[in-house]
Amino acid sequence: MSYKVGEPIIVTKEGVNHVGIVLDKFLINKATMYDILLENRSAFTMINTAKTKQIYINKELTSKLCDTGVITPTMNYNTLFENNQLPIVRA
């Protein structure tokens, strides 16, 4: 499954789940990577869905909570974009 820019997702970091939105999506060596902005305004770059990593997009929780509308982020991607408030996370 591929996530779109602005889509809400659940990120698991060291066993703790966080709500965030996708800032950017790109390919590196045939792997889809994402830049993510969490609700606490932390930004992560080059995150994917591999559970072997310390930080990853939790596909199961995202489909259960975000895709069904149970959880919605307090941040709105379109509003942040229009107000030029999106962080620059790529080097």
Protein backbone atom coordinates (compact mmCIF):
# COMPACT_ATOMS: atom_id res chain seq x y z
CA MET A 1 0.00 0.00 0.00
CA SER A 2 1.25 3.43 -0.88
CA TYR A 3 0.37 6.50 1.16
CA LYS A 4 -0.38 9.88 -0.42
CA VAL A 5 1.00 13.26 0.60
CA GLY A 6 -1.20 14.75 3.34
CA GLU A 7 -2.62 11.38 4.35
CA PRO A 8 -2.79 10.59 8.10
CA ILE A 9 -0.73 7.62 9.30
CA ILE A 10 0.39 5.92 12.51
CA VAL A 11 4.15 5.79 13.12
CA THR A 12 5.59 3.34 15.65
CA LYS A 13 8.79 4.56 17.26
CA GLU A 14 10.47 2.23 19.73
CA GLY A 15 7.13 0.62 20.62
CA VAL A 16 5.20 3.90 21.03
CA ASN A 17 2.57 4.90 18.45
CA HIS A 18 2.27 8.46 17.10
CA VAL A 19 -0.21 10.09 14.72
CA GLY A 20 1.29 11.98 11.80
CA ILE A 21 0.83 13.07 8.21
CA VAL A 22 2.83 12.24 5.09
CA LEU A 23 4.86 15.23 3.87
CA ASP A 24 6.57 13.61 0.91
CA LYS A 25 6.95 10.26 -0.83
CA PHE A 26 9.95 9.12 -2.86
CA LEU A 27 11.78 6.01 -4.10
CA ILE A 28 15.27 4.94 -3.03
CA ASN A 29 16.67 1.68 -4.42
CA LYS A 30 13.15 0.45 -5.33
CA ALA A 31 11.90 1.12 -1.77
CA THR A 32 9.16 3.67 -1.11
CA MET A 33 10.23 6.10 1.60
CA TYR A 34 8.24 8.83 3.31
CA ASP A 35 8.87 12.10 5.12
CA ILE A 36 6.50 12.32 8.10
CA LEU A 37 5.37 15.16 10.38
CA LEU A 38 4.11 13.95 13.77
CA GLU A 39 1.50 15.75 15.83
CA ASN A 40 4.13 16.91 18.31
CA ARG A 41 5.77 18.70 15.32
CA SER A 42 8.67 16.24 15.10
CA ALA A 43 9.63 15.46 11.53
CA PHE A 44 11.15 12.18 10.34
CA THR A 45 12.67 11.54 6.95
CA MET A 46 13.14 8.30 5.04
CA ILE A 47 10.57 6.22 6.95
CA ASN A 48 9.05 3.11 5.42
CA THR A 49 6.75 0.27 6.49
CA ALA A 50 9.46 -2.27 7.43
CA LYS A 51 8.83 -3.53 10.97
CA THR A 52 12.52 -4.36 11.33
CA LYS A 53 13.32 -0.64 11.76
CA GLN A 54 13.10 1.30 15.03
CA ILE A 55 10.76 3.82 13.39
CA TYR A 56 8.21 2.65 10.81
CA ILE A 57 4.73 3.29 9.46
CA ASN A 58 2.40 0.87 11.22
CA LYS A 59 0.25 -0.38 8.33
CA GLU A 60 -2.16 -2.35 10.54
CA LEU A 61 -2.96 0.52 12.91
CA THR A 62 -3.13 3.02 10.06
CA SER A 63 -5.72 0.93 8.24
CA LYS A 64 -7.72 0.29 11.43
CA LEU A 65 -7.63 3.82 12.87
CA CYS A 66 -6.80 6.42 10.22
CA ASP A 67 -8.40 4.89 7.13
CA THR A 68 -11.68 4.34 8.99
CA GLY A 69 -11.74 7.86 10.47
CA VAL A 70 -11.47 6.74 14.10
CA ILE A 71 -8.37 8.92 14.49
CA THR A 72 -7.79 12.14 12.59
CA PRO A 73 -4.72 14.33 13.03
CA THR A 74 -5.18 17.80 14.49
CA MET A 75 -2.91 19.14 11.73
CA ASN A 76 -4.28 19.82 8.28
CA TYR A 77 -1.74 19.37 5.48
CA ASN A 78 -3.49 21.81 3.13
CA THR A 79 -3.61 24.55 5.77
CA LEU A 80 0.06 24.05 6.66
CA PHE A 81 0.97 24.13 2.96
CA GLU A 82 -1.05 27.30 2.25
CA ASN A 83 0.47 29.09 5.25
CA ASN A 84 3.99 27.93 4.31
CA GLN A 85 4.38 26.17 7.68
CA LEU A 86 5.59 22.77 6.46
CA PRO A 87 9.08 21.87 7.66
CA ILE A 88 11.84 21.20 5.16
CA VAL A 89 13.02 17.70 6.06
CA ARG A 90 15.13 16.72 3.05
CA ALA A 91 18.84 17.47 2.97
